[in-house]
Amino acid sequence: MEQEIDTTALGEQIVKKLKTIYDPEIPVDIYELGLIYDVMVNTDQEVKILMTLTSPNCPVAESLPKEVEEKITAIENVKSTEVEITFDPPWSKDLMSEEAKLELGML
């Protein structure tokens, strides 16, 4: 019998992992920076992450999505990960968490 996967718990594991990935130019993780717009997990344990970058010509435009994909796919119970980059809406400082703004001295 196939074990039922708790997609909520898996989603929380994914967020925890996202908080270990940092934008190399800013000392704040990509989740608190507001670069992650959506995390979707289906019952087949396939993950889709909708994210943005601080700018379209971000120096890590190639490597950051790849790092996200690799780290999330490495989580137990994740079968596959698709990372989609969007610039709609464009990233702005307003998307940052209070924690990130505090860290960067913006509060």
Protein backbone atom coordinates (compact mmCIF):
# COMPACT_ATOMS: atom_id res chain seq x y z
CA MET A 1 0.00 0.00 0.00
CA GLU A 2 1.33 3.41 -0.95
CA GLN A 3 2.02 5.78 1.91
CA GLU A 4 0.01 8.99 1.92
CA ILE A 5 2.32 11.99 1.65
CA ASP A 6 1.47 15.07 3.68
CA THR A 7 1.89 17.82 1.08
CA THR A 8 1.64 20.53 3.76
CA ALA A 9 4.53 19.04 5.72
CA LEU A 10 6.49 18.61 2.50
CA GLY A 11 5.78 22.26 1.65
CA GLU A 12 7.17 23.29 5.04
CA GLN A 13 10.32 21.22 4.41
CA ILE A 14 10.70 22.97 1.05
CA VAL A 15 10.39 26.43 2.63
CA LYS A 16 12.96 25.43 5.27
CA LYS A 17 15.35 24.38 2.50
CA LEU A 18 14.69 27.59 0.51
CA LYS A 19 15.77 29.55 3.58
CA THR A 20 19.25 27.99 3.23
CA ILE A 21 19.75 29.46 -0.26
CA TYR A 22 21.20 32.96 -0.38
CA ASP A 23 21.42 35.61 -3.02
CA PRO A 24 25.20 36.02 -3.35
CA GLU A 25 24.96 39.81 -3.41
CA ILE A 26 22.66 40.22 -0.40
CA PRO A 27 23.21 38.47 2.97
CA VAL A 28 19.56 37.33 3.17
CA ASP A 29 18.01 34.06 2.03
CA ILE A 30 15.90 34.03 -1.13
CA TYR A 31 12.70 33.24 0.76
CA GLU A 32 12.95 36.21 3.14
CA LEU A 33 14.04 38.39 0.21
CA GLY A 34 10.68 37.71 -1.40
CA LEU A 35 12.14 36.01 -4.48
CA ILE A 36 9.87 32.97 -4.03
CA TYR A 37 6.39 33.79 -5.32
CA ASP A 38 4.81 30.36 -5.01
CA VAL A 39 5.58 26.78 -4.01
CA MET A 40 3.21 24.14 -5.33
CA VAL A 41 3.34 20.49 -4.29
CA ASN A 42 1.00 17.94 -5.82
CA THR A 43 0.09 14.51 -4.46
CA ASP A 44 2.62 12.90 -6.82
CA GLN A 45 5.33 14.77 -4.87
CA GLU A 46 6.17 16.96 -7.83
CA VAL A 47 7.17 20.47 -6.88
CA LYS A 48 6.84 23.63 -8.90
CA ILE A 49 8.46 26.81 -7.65
CA LEU A 50 7.63 30.19 -9.13
CA MET A 51 10.40 32.63 -8.35
CA THR A 52 11.95 35.84 -9.54
CA LEU A 53 15.37 37.44 -9.40
CA THR A 54 16.27 40.86 -8.05
CA SER A 55 16.80 41.97 -11.66
CA PRO A 56 16.59 40.33 -15.12
CA ASN A 57 20.36 40.72 -15.59
CA CYS A 58 21.13 39.31 -12.14
CA PRO A 59 24.60 37.69 -12.19
CA VAL A 60 23.16 34.45 -10.80
CA ALA A 61 20.26 34.23 -13.28
CA GLU A 62 21.60 30.87 -14.48
CA SER A 63 22.98 29.35 -11.29
CA LEU A 64 20.39 30.37 -8.67
CA PRO A 65 17.35 28.60 -10.21
CA LYS A 66 19.57 25.52 -10.77
CA GLU A 67 20.65 25.59 -7.10
CA VAL A 68 17.00 25.86 -6.01
CA GLU A 69 16.03 22.94 -8.25
CA GLU A 70 18.89 20.74 -7.02
CA LYS A 71 18.37 21.46 -3.31
CA ILE A 72 14.60 20.94 -3.45
CA THR A 73 14.86 17.76 -5.53
CA ALA A 74 17.30 16.41 -2.91
CA ILE A 75 14.59 16.54 -0.21
CA GLU A 76 13.25 13.11 0.69
CA ASN A 77 9.81 12.47 -0.90
CA VAL A 78 10.30 15.06 -3.65
CA LYS A 79 10.11 13.30 -7.01
CA SER A 80 10.84 16.25 -9.24
CA THR A 81 11.22 20.01 -9.10
CA GLU A 82 10.46 22.58 -11.75
CA VAL A 83 11.63 26.13 -11.21
CA GLU A 84 9.94 28.81 -13.26
CA ILE A 85 11.39 32.32 -13.37
CA THR A 86 9.03 35.24 -13.79
CA PHE A 87 9.48 39.00 -13.74
CA ASP A 88 5.76 39.65 -13.39
CA PRO A 89 5.37 41.26 -10.97
CA PRO A 90 8.94 42.58 -10.90
CA TRP A 91 10.76 42.13 -7.62
CA SER A 92 10.87 45.14 -5.33
CA LYS A 93 12.02 45.82 -1.80
CA ASP A 94 8.36 45.71 -0.73
CA LEU A 95 8.40 41.93 -1.19
CA MET A 96 11.05 41.48 1.49
CA SER A 97 10.06 40.19 4.91
CA GLU A 98 10.41 42.42 7.97
CA GLU A 99 13.28 40.13 8.99
CA ALA A 100 15.13 40.77 5.72
CA LYS A 101 14.60 44.54 5.93
CA LEU A 102 15.88 44.52 9.49
CA GLU A 103 18.92 42.46 8.45
CA LEU A 104 19.73 44.99 5.73
CA GLY A 105 19.16 48.00 7.98
CA MET A 106 16.08 49.17 6.10
CA LEU A 107 13.82 49.42 9.15
